[in-house]
Amino acid sequence: MKQTLFLLFAITIGLPAWAQVQVGSPMGDVAGELKGLERRYTTAQIFGDVKTLEEILDDTFIDTDEQGHQLDKAGFISAVKNGDRKILSISLSQLKIRSFLYAAVVAGRITQKGTVSMKPVPEIGSFTDVFAMINGNWRLVASHRSAPPAAPAAANPAPASPAVKK
């Protein structure tokens, strides 16, 4: 009886650790693969490479920009294709990658130049991309960017001191 309980306990404790090891094994270097996909995704936006965007973005893709506007896959690709979303440069840094069995999250800092609807995009911010393993390939299912809050305008600046006459 004690051996059976010990075996069940060992399996219960050991199974999550075994599963974690197995995640990396059959899929190879998940972090490296996701970094490569992020490079392809940003480069495709800069060069208007619709074919690459079609490959990377899942049909269920949702993009949320810094102002909270959302586009689906067709809307995002259309905006890149027709120049409504014109990105001149993108640089990603401070990447944090978390992978699970069939999902992964890439988060970090973004520095970019460009326009959306002829308005400049915020030059710095944060991003979170969510990938899903679909039919053996990582696909981008959601992308979210946020900009730091604008500095508050000076409210009620102090009036100038009246000149003192002697």
N, C-alpha and C. Protein backbone atom coordinates (compact mmCIF):
# COMPACT_ATOMS: atom_id res chain seq x y z
N MET A 1 0.81 -1.20 0.00
CA MET A 1 0.00 0.00 0.00
C MET A 1 0.85 1.26 0.00
N LYS A 2 1.91 1.26 0.85
CA LYS A 2 2.78 2.41 0.92
C LYS A 2 3.50 2.62 -0.42
N GLN A 3 3.89 1.51 -1.05
CA GLN A 3 4.58 1.62 -2.34
C GLN A 3 3.65 2.21 -3.40
N THR A 4 2.38 1.82 -3.39
CA THR A 4 1.41 2.34 -4.35
C THR A 4 1.20 3.83 -4.14
N LEU A 5 1.05 4.24 -2.88
CA LEU A 5 0.89 5.67 -2.58
C LEU A 5 2.14 6.45 -3.00
N PHE A 6 3.32 5.89 -2.71
CA PHE A 6 4.55 6.57 -3.11
C PHE A 6 4.64 6.70 -4.62
N LEU A 7 4.28 5.65 -5.34
CA LEU A 7 4.32 5.67 -6.80
C LEU A 7 3.35 6.72 -7.34
N LEU A 8 2.13 6.77 -6.81
CA LEU A 8 1.16 7.79 -7.24
C LEU A 8 1.66 9.20 -6.94
N PHE A 9 2.26 9.38 -5.76
CA PHE A 9 2.82 10.67 -5.38
C PHE A 9 3.95 11.06 -6.33
N ALA A 10 4.83 10.15 -6.64
CA ALA A 10 5.96 10.42 -7.54
C ALA A 10 5.48 10.78 -8.94
N ILE A 11 4.47 10.09 -9.41
CA ILE A 11 3.92 10.38 -10.74
C ILE A 11 3.26 11.76 -10.73
N THR A 12 2.50 12.06 -9.67
CA THR A 12 1.82 13.35 -9.59
C THR A 12 2.83 14.50 -9.56
N ILE A 13 3.87 14.34 -8.80
CA ILE A 13 4.89 15.40 -8.71
C ILE A 13 5.76 15.43 -9.97
N GLY A 14 6.12 14.29 -10.48
CA GLY A 14 7.06 14.22 -11.60
C GLY A 14 6.46 14.50 -12.96
N LEU A 15 5.17 14.27 -13.14
CA LEU A 15 4.54 14.45 -14.44
C LEU A 15 4.65 15.88 -14.98
N PRO A 16 4.35 16.90 -14.18
CA PRO A 16 4.51 18.26 -14.71
C PRO A 16 5.94 18.57 -15.14
N ALA A 17 6.91 18.11 -14.35
CA ALA A 17 8.31 18.34 -14.72
C ALA A 17 8.65 17.61 -16.01
N TRP A 18 8.19 16.37 -16.17
CA TRP A 18 8.44 15.61 -17.39
C TRP A 18 7.80 16.31 -18.59
N ALA A 19 6.58 16.79 -18.42
CA ALA A 19 5.89 17.49 -19.52
C ALA A 19 6.64 18.75 -19.91
N GLN A 20 7.19 19.47 -18.94
CA GLN A 20 7.94 20.69 -19.24
C GLN A 20 9.18 20.35 -20.07
N VAL A 21 9.87 19.29 -19.72
CA VAL A 21 11.04 18.87 -20.49
C VAL A 21 10.63 18.48 -21.90
N GLN A 22 9.52 17.78 -22.01
CA GLN A 22 9.06 17.31 -23.32
C GLN A 22 8.66 18.45 -24.25
N VAL A 23 8.21 19.59 -23.69
CA VAL A 23 7.80 20.71 -24.53
C VAL A 23 8.95 21.15 -25.41
N GLY A 24 10.15 21.26 -24.83
CA GLY A 24 11.29 21.73 -25.61
C GLY A 24 11.83 20.68 -26.57
N SER A 25 11.72 19.41 -26.24
CA SER A 25 12.36 18.38 -27.03
C SER A 25 11.81 18.24 -28.45
N PRO A 26 10.52 17.90 -28.64
CA PRO A 26 10.05 17.68 -30.00
C PRO A 26 9.96 18.96 -30.81
N MET A 27 9.81 20.11 -30.15
CA MET A 27 9.64 21.35 -30.88
C MET A 27 10.95 22.08 -31.14
N GLY A 28 12.04 21.59 -30.59
CA GLY A 28 13.32 22.24 -30.82
C GLY A 28 13.46 23.50 -29.99
N ASP A 29 14.16 24.49 -30.55
CA ASP A 29 14.44 25.75 -29.86
C ASP A 29 13.26 26.71 -30.03
N VAL A 30 12.30 26.64 -29.12
CA VAL A 30 11.09 27.45 -29.22
C VAL A 30 11.42 28.93 -29.19
N ALA A 31 12.27 29.36 -28.26
CA ALA A 31 12.62 30.78 -28.14
C ALA A 31 13.28 31.27 -29.43
N GLY A 32 14.19 30.51 -29.97
CA GLY A 32 14.85 30.90 -31.22
C GLY A 32 13.87 30.98 -32.39
N GLU A 33 12.96 30.02 -32.44
CA GLU A 33 11.96 30.00 -33.50
C GLU A 33 11.04 31.22 -33.41
N LEU A 34 10.61 31.56 -32.18
CA LEU A 34 9.73 32.71 -31.99
C LEU A 34 10.45 34.03 -32.27
N LYS A 35 11.71 34.13 -31.89
CA LYS A 35 12.48 35.33 -32.23
C LYS A 35 12.57 35.49 -33.74
N GLY A 36 12.78 34.38 -34.44
CA GLY A 36 12.83 34.43 -35.91
C GLY A 36 11.50 34.86 -36.50
N LEU A 37 10.39 34.37 -35.94
CA LEU A 37 9.07 34.79 -36.42
C LEU A 37 8.83 36.27 -36.15
N GLU A 38 9.27 36.77 -35.00
CA GLU A 38 9.13 38.20 -34.70
C GLU A 38 9.92 39.04 -35.71
N ARG A 39 11.13 38.59 -36.06
CA ARG A 39 11.93 39.31 -37.08
C ARG A 39 11.22 39.32 -38.42
N ARG A 40 10.68 38.16 -38.82
CA ARG A 40 9.95 38.08 -40.10
C ARG A 40 8.71 38.96 -40.09
N TYR A 41 8.00 38.97 -38.96
CA TYR A 41 6.77 39.76 -38.81
C TYR A 41 7.07 41.26 -38.91
N THR A 42 8.09 41.72 -38.21
CA THR A 42 8.42 43.15 -38.26
C THR A 42 8.96 43.54 -39.63
N THR A 43 9.79 42.71 -40.22
CA THR A 43 10.34 43.00 -41.55
C THR A 43 9.23 43.03 -42.60
N ALA A 44 8.28 42.12 -42.49
CA ALA A 44 7.16 42.08 -43.44
C ALA A 44 6.33 43.36 -43.36
N GLN A 45 6.18 43.92 -42.15
CA GLN A 45 5.44 45.17 -42.02
C GLN A 45 6.19 46.32 -42.68
N ILE A 46 7.50 46.37 -42.50
CA ILE A 46 8.30 47.46 -43.07
C ILE A 46 8.26 47.42 -44.59
N PHE A 47 8.38 46.23 -45.17
CA PHE A 47 8.45 46.10 -46.62
C PHE A 47 7.11 45.80 -47.28
N GLY A 48 6.04 45.77 -46.50
CA GLY A 48 4.72 45.49 -47.08
C GLY A 48 4.62 44.10 -47.67
N ASP A 49 5.30 43.14 -47.05
CA ASP A 49 5.35 41.76 -47.56
C ASP A 49 4.10 40.99 -47.12
N VAL A 50 3.07 41.11 -47.92
CA VAL A 50 1.77 40.50 -47.62
C VAL A 50 1.88 38.98 -47.55
N LYS A 51 2.67 38.38 -48.42
CA LYS A 51 2.80 36.91 -48.45
C LYS A 51 3.33 36.40 -47.10
N THR A 52 4.34 37.06 -46.56
CA THR A 52 4.88 36.63 -45.27
C THR A 52 3.86 36.85 -44.16
N LEU A 53 3.15 37.96 -44.20
CA LEU A 53 2.11 38.21 -43.19
C LEU A 53 1.03 37.13 -43.26
N GLU A 54 0.64 36.73 -44.47
CA GLU A 54 -0.36 35.66 -44.64
C GLU A 54 0.13 34.37 -43.98
N GLU A 55 1.43 34.08 -44.08
CA GLU A 55 1.99 32.85 -43.51
C GLU A 55 2.04 32.90 -41.98
N ILE A 56 2.40 34.05 -41.43
CA ILE A 56 2.62 34.16 -39.98
C ILE A 56 1.33 34.34 -39.22
N LEU A 57 0.42 35.17 -39.73
CA LEU A 57 -0.81 35.48 -39.00
C LEU A 57 -1.83 34.35 -39.16
N ASP A 58 -2.41 33.95 -38.04
CA ASP A 58 -3.48 32.96 -38.09
C ASP A 58 -4.75 33.62 -38.59
N ASP A 59 -5.67 32.83 -39.11
CA ASP A 59 -6.95 33.38 -39.60
C ASP A 59 -7.74 34.05 -38.49
N THR A 60 -7.47 33.69 -37.22
CA THR A 60 -8.18 34.28 -36.09
C THR A 60 -7.45 35.50 -35.52
N PHE A 61 -6.39 35.95 -36.18
CA PHE A 61 -5.53 37.04 -35.68
C PHE A 61 -6.32 38.30 -35.32
N ILE A 62 -5.94 38.90 -34.19
CA ILE A 62 -6.48 40.19 -33.76
C ILE A 62 -5.31 41.09 -33.39
N ASP A 63 -5.27 42.29 -33.99
CA ASP A 63 -4.26 43.29 -33.66
C ASP A 63 -4.93 44.41 -32.88
N THR A 64 -4.32 44.79 -31.76
CA THR A 64 -4.80 45.93 -30.98
C THR A 64 -3.67 46.94 -30.92
N ASP A 65 -3.93 48.16 -31.45
CA ASP A 65 -2.86 49.16 -31.49
C ASP A 65 -2.84 50.01 -30.22
N GLU A 66 -1.96 50.99 -30.20
CA GLU A 66 -1.73 51.82 -29.03
C GLU A 66 -2.97 52.62 -28.60
N GLN A 67 -3.88 52.87 -29.53
CA GLN A 67 -5.10 53.62 -29.20
C GLN A 67 -6.28 52.69 -28.89
N GLY A 68 -6.06 51.40 -28.93
CA GLY A 68 -7.11 50.44 -28.63
C GLY A 68 -7.92 50.02 -29.84
N HIS A 69 -7.54 50.47 -31.03
CA HIS A 69 -8.25 50.05 -32.25
C HIS A 69 -7.86 48.61 -32.58
N GLN A 70 -8.84 47.85 -33.04
CA GLN A 70 -8.58 46.45 -33.36
C GLN A 70 -8.82 46.18 -34.84
N LEU A 71 -7.97 45.31 -35.38
CA LEU A 71 -8.11 44.83 -36.76
C LEU A 71 -7.99 43.32 -36.76
N ASP A 72 -8.75 42.67 -37.63
CA ASP A 72 -8.57 41.24 -37.82
C ASP A 72 -7.46 41.04 -38.87
N LYS A 73 -7.21 39.80 -39.22
CA LYS A 73 -6.14 39.50 -40.16
C LYS A 73 -6.33 40.23 -41.49
N ALA A 74 -7.52 40.15 -42.06
CA ALA A 74 -7.78 40.79 -43.36
C ALA A 74 -7.60 42.30 -43.27
N GLY A 75 -8.10 42.91 -42.20
CA GLY A 75 -7.98 44.36 -42.03
C GLY A 75 -6.54 44.79 -41.85
N PHE A 76 -5.77 44.02 -41.07
CA PHE A 76 -4.36 44.35 -40.82
C PHE A 76 -3.56 44.26 -42.12
N ILE A 77 -3.74 43.16 -42.85
CA ILE A 77 -3.01 42.99 -44.10
C ILE A 77 -3.41 44.06 -45.11
N SER A 78 -4.68 44.38 -45.17
CA SER A 78 -5.16 45.42 -46.07
C SER A 78 -4.51 46.77 -45.74
N ALA A 79 -4.42 47.10 -44.45
CA ALA A 79 -3.81 48.36 -44.03
C ALA A 79 -2.33 48.42 -44.41
N VAL A 80 -1.63 47.30 -44.31
CA VAL A 80 -0.22 47.25 -44.71
C VAL A 80 -0.12 47.39 -46.23
N LYS A 81 -0.98 46.66 -46.94
CA LYS A 81 -0.94 46.62 -48.41
C LYS A 81 -1.26 47.99 -49.03
N ASN A 82 -2.29 48.66 -48.50
CA ASN A 82 -2.70 49.93 -49.12
C ASN A 82 -1.97 51.15 -48.56
N GLY A 83 -1.05 50.91 -47.61
CA GLY A 83 -0.25 52.02 -47.08
C GLY A 83 -0.89 52.77 -45.93
N ASP A 84 -2.08 52.33 -45.51
CA ASP A 84 -2.71 52.97 -44.36
C ASP A 84 -1.88 52.73 -43.10
N ARG A 85 -1.20 51.60 -43.05
CA ARG A 85 -0.24 51.29 -41.98
C ARG A 85 1.14 51.25 -42.63
N LYS A 86 1.89 52.32 -42.48
CA LYS A 86 3.21 52.42 -43.11
C LYS A 86 4.27 52.50 -42.02
N ILE A 87 4.94 51.40 -41.79
CA ILE A 87 5.98 51.35 -40.77
C ILE A 87 7.34 51.45 -41.46
N LEU A 88 8.14 52.41 -41.01
CA LEU A 88 9.46 52.64 -41.60
C LEU A 88 10.55 51.87 -40.88
N SER A 89 10.40 51.71 -39.58
CA SER A 89 11.38 50.94 -38.81
C SER A 89 10.73 50.40 -37.55
N ILE A 90 11.19 49.24 -37.13
CA ILE A 90 10.75 48.63 -35.88
C ILE A 90 11.96 47.95 -35.24
N SER A 91 12.12 48.19 -33.96
CA SER A 91 13.17 47.52 -33.22
C SER A 91 12.55 46.96 -31.94
N LEU A 92 12.80 45.68 -31.70
CA LEU A 92 12.28 45.03 -30.50
C LEU A 92 13.43 44.79 -29.53
N SER A 93 13.16 44.94 -28.24
CA SER A 93 14.20 44.70 -27.23
C SER A 93 13.55 44.15 -25.96
N GLN A 94 14.41 43.77 -25.03
CA GLN A 94 13.98 43.24 -23.74
C GLN A 94 12.93 42.13 -23.88
N LEU A 95 13.16 41.24 -24.84
CA LEU A 95 12.19 40.17 -25.11
C LEU A 95 12.09 39.20 -23.94
N LYS A 96 10.85 38.88 -23.59
CA LYS A 96 10.57 37.84 -22.61
C LYS A 96 9.69 36.83 -23.33
N ILE A 97 10.13 35.59 -23.34
CA ILE A 97 9.40 34.54 -24.06
C ILE A 97 8.97 33.47 -23.07
N ARG A 98 7.68 33.18 -23.10
CA ARG A 98 7.13 32.11 -22.27
C ARG A 98 6.43 31.14 -23.19
N SER A 99 6.85 29.88 -23.15
CA SER A 99 6.21 28.90 -24.02
C SER A 99 5.53 27.82 -23.19
N PHE A 100 4.43 27.35 -23.72
CA PHE A 100 3.64 26.30 -23.11
C PHE A 100 3.48 25.23 -24.18
N LEU A 101 2.71 24.24 -23.94
CA LEU A 101 2.63 23.14 -24.88
C LEU A 101 2.23 23.60 -26.28
N TYR A 102 1.13 24.31 -26.40
CA TYR A 102 0.66 24.73 -27.72
C TYR A 102 0.46 26.24 -27.82
N ALA A 103 1.04 26.99 -26.90
CA ALA A 103 0.91 28.45 -26.92
C ALA A 103 2.21 29.07 -26.42
N ALA A 104 2.45 30.30 -26.85
CA ALA A 104 3.63 31.03 -26.40
C ALA A 104 3.33 32.52 -26.41
N VAL A 105 3.99 33.22 -25.51
CA VAL A 105 3.83 34.66 -25.39
C VAL A 105 5.20 35.31 -25.53
N VAL A 106 5.27 36.33 -26.38
CA VAL A 106 6.50 37.12 -26.52
C VAL A 106 6.13 38.54 -26.13
N ALA A 107 6.84 39.09 -25.16
CA ALA A 107 6.59 40.46 -24.71
C ALA A 107 7.91 41.21 -24.67
N GLY A 108 7.83 42.52 -24.82
CA GLY A 108 9.04 43.32 -24.77
C GLY A 108 8.77 44.78 -25.05
N ARG A 109 9.84 45.48 -25.35
CA ARG A 109 9.78 46.90 -25.68
C ARG A 109 9.84 47.05 -27.20
N ILE A 110 9.19 48.10 -27.71
CA ILE A 110 9.19 48.37 -29.15
C ILE A 110 9.59 49.82 -29.38
N THR A 111 10.45 50.01 -30.37
CA THR A 111 10.81 51.35 -30.85
C THR A 111 10.46 51.33 -32.33
N GLN A 112 9.66 52.29 -32.78
CA GLN A 112 9.19 52.26 -34.17
C GLN A 112 9.01 53.67 -34.72
N LYS A 113 9.02 53.74 -36.04
CA LYS A 113 8.70 54.98 -36.75
C LYS A 113 7.74 54.61 -37.87
N GLY A 114 6.75 55.46 -38.08
CA GLY A 114 5.80 55.20 -39.14
C GLY A 114 4.50 55.92 -38.90
N THR A 115 3.51 55.56 -39.72
CA THR A 115 2.20 56.18 -39.59
C THR A 115 1.10 55.13 -39.72
N VAL A 116 -0.02 55.43 -39.09
CA VAL A 116 -1.25 54.66 -39.26
C VAL A 116 -2.34 55.69 -39.50
N SER A 117 -3.03 55.55 -40.61
CA SER A 117 -4.04 56.54 -41.02
C SER A 117 -3.44 57.94 -41.05
N MET A 118 -2.22 58.03 -41.54
CA MET A 118 -1.48 59.28 -41.72
C MET A 118 -1.15 59.99 -40.40
N LYS A 119 -1.28 59.30 -39.27
CA LYS A 119 -0.90 59.85 -37.97
C LYS A 119 0.32 59.08 -37.49
N PRO A 120 1.30 59.77 -36.91
CA PRO A 120 2.49 59.08 -36.43
C PRO A 120 2.17 58.05 -35.35
N VAL A 121 2.84 56.91 -35.43
CA VAL A 121 2.69 55.90 -34.38
C VAL A 121 3.56 56.33 -33.20
N PRO A 122 3.18 55.95 -31.99
CA PRO A 122 4.05 56.24 -30.84
C PRO A 122 5.41 55.60 -31.08
N GLU A 123 6.46 56.35 -30.82
CA GLU A 123 7.80 55.84 -31.14
C GLU A 123 8.30 54.78 -30.17
N ILE A 124 7.84 54.82 -28.93
CA ILE A 124 8.28 53.80 -27.97
C ILE A 124 7.06 53.21 -27.28
N GLY A 125 7.21 52.00 -26.82
CA GLY A 125 6.11 51.36 -26.11
C GLY A 125 6.45 49.94 -25.75
N SER A 126 5.42 49.22 -25.42
CA SER A 126 5.53 47.80 -25.07
C SER A 126 4.65 47.00 -26.01
N PHE A 127 4.97 45.73 -26.17
CA PHE A 127 4.14 44.87 -27.02
C PHE A 127 4.02 43.50 -26.38
N THR A 128 2.94 42.82 -26.73
CA THR A 128 2.72 41.44 -26.34
C THR A 128 2.16 40.71 -27.55
N ASP A 129 2.84 39.67 -27.99
CA ASP A 129 2.38 38.83 -29.09
C ASP A 129 2.08 37.43 -28.56
N VAL A 130 0.96 36.88 -28.99
CA VAL A 130 0.55 35.54 -28.56
C VAL A 130 0.57 34.62 -29.78
N PHE A 131 1.31 33.53 -29.66
CA PHE A 131 1.43 32.54 -30.73
C PHE A 131 0.75 31.25 -30.30
N ALA A 132 0.22 30.52 -31.27
CA ALA A 132 -0.36 29.20 -31.02
C ALA A 132 0.27 28.21 -32.00
N MET A 133 0.52 27.01 -31.51
CA MET A 133 1.03 25.94 -32.36
C MET A 133 -0.17 25.33 -33.08
N ILE A 134 -0.25 25.54 -34.39
CA ILE A 134 -1.38 25.06 -35.18
C ILE A 134 -0.83 24.22 -36.33
N ASN A 135 -1.23 22.97 -36.38
CA ASN A 135 -0.76 22.04 -37.42
C ASN A 135 0.76 22.03 -37.54
N GLY A 136 1.43 22.06 -36.39
CA GLY A 136 2.89 21.95 -36.36
C GLY A 136 3.64 23.24 -36.63
N ASN A 137 2.93 24.36 -36.76
CA ASN A 137 3.60 25.64 -37.01
C ASN A 137 3.12 26.69 -36.02
N TRP A 138 4.05 27.55 -35.58
CA TRP A 138 3.67 28.67 -34.73
C TRP A 138 2.99 29.72 -35.58
N ARG A 139 1.81 30.16 -35.15
CA ARG A 139 1.05 31.20 -35.85
C ARG A 139 0.75 32.31 -34.86
N LEU A 140 0.84 33.55 -35.31
CA LEU A 140 0.54 34.70 -34.47
C LEU A 140 -0.98 34.87 -34.41
N VAL A 141 -1.55 34.78 -33.21
CA VAL A 141 -3.00 34.88 -33.06
C VAL A 141 -3.44 36.22 -32.48
N ALA A 142 -2.55 36.92 -31.79
CA ALA A 142 -2.90 38.23 -31.23
C ALA A 142 -1.66 39.06 -31.04
N SER A 143 -1.80 40.35 -31.30
CA SER A 143 -0.71 41.30 -31.09
C SER A 143 -1.29 42.54 -30.43
N HIS A 144 -0.63 43.01 -29.40
CA HIS A 144 -1.09 44.20 -28.67
C HIS A 144 0.10 45.11 -28.40
N ARG A 145 -0.08 46.38 -28.68
CA ARG A 145 0.94 47.38 -28.39
C ARG A 145 0.36 48.45 -27.48
N SER A 146 1.19 48.96 -26.59
CA SER A 146 0.76 50.08 -25.75
C SER A 146 1.89 51.08 -25.65
N ALA A 147 1.51 52.34 -25.60
CA ALA A 147 2.48 53.43 -25.49
C ALA A 147 2.44 53.96 -24.06
N PRO A 148 3.55 54.50 -23.60
CA PRO A 148 3.51 55.09 -22.26
C PRO A 148 2.56 56.27 -22.25
N PRO A 149 1.96 56.54 -21.10
CA PRO A 149 1.03 57.67 -21.05
C PRO A 149 1.76 58.97 -21.36
N ALA A 150 1.04 59.88 -22.01
CA ALA A 150 1.61 61.18 -22.31
C ALA A 150 1.82 61.94 -21.01
N ALA A 151 2.86 62.76 -21.01
CA ALA A 151 3.13 63.58 -19.83
C ALA A 151 1.96 64.54 -19.63
N PRO A 152 1.48 64.66 -18.41
CA PRO A 152 0.34 65.56 -18.19
C PRO A 152 0.73 67.00 -18.47
N ALA A 153 -0.20 67.71 -19.07
CA ALA A 153 0.04 69.14 -19.34
C ALA A 153 -0.02 69.88 -18.03
N ALA A 154 0.74 70.95 -17.96
CA ALA A 154 0.75 71.74 -16.74
C ALA A 154 -0.65 72.33 -16.52
N ALA A 155 -1.24 71.96 -15.40
CA ALA A 155 -2.57 72.46 -15.09
C ALA A 155 -2.44 73.74 -14.27
N ASN A 156 -3.11 74.77 -14.71
CA ASN A 156 -3.10 76.04 -14.01
C ASN A 156 -1.69 76.52 -13.66
N PRO A 157 -0.92 76.90 -14.67
CA PRO A 157 0.43 77.38 -14.36
C PRO A 157 0.35 78.62 -13.46
N ALA A 158 1.33 78.75 -12.59
CA ALA A 158 1.34 79.87 -11.65
C ALA A 158 1.41 81.19 -12.41
N PRO A 159 0.62 82.17 -11.99
CA PRO A 159 0.70 83.46 -12.66
C PRO A 159 2.02 84.13 -12.38
N ALA A 160 2.43 84.96 -13.32
CA ALA A 160 3.69 85.68 -13.15
C ALA A 160 3.56 86.62 -11.96
N SER A 161 4.62 86.76 -11.22
CA SER A 161 4.61 87.66 -10.07
C SER A 161 4.51 89.10 -10.55
N PRO A 162 3.67 89.89 -9.88
CA PRO A 162 3.58 91.30 -10.28
C PRO A 162 4.89 92.00 -9.94
N ALA A 163 5.23 92.94 -10.76
CA ALA A 163 6.46 93.71 -10.54
C ALA A 163 6.29 94.55 -9.29
N VAL A 164 7.29 94.58 -8.51
CA VAL A 164 7.28 95.38 -7.26
C VAL A 164 7.95 96.71 -7.56
N LYS A 165 7.25 97.85 -7.23
CA LYS A 165 7.82 99.17 -7.44
C LYS A 165 8.39 99.68 -6.13
N LYS A 166 9.48 100.33 -6.22
CA LYS A 166 10.07 100.92 -5.03
C LYS A 166 9.95 102.40 -5.08
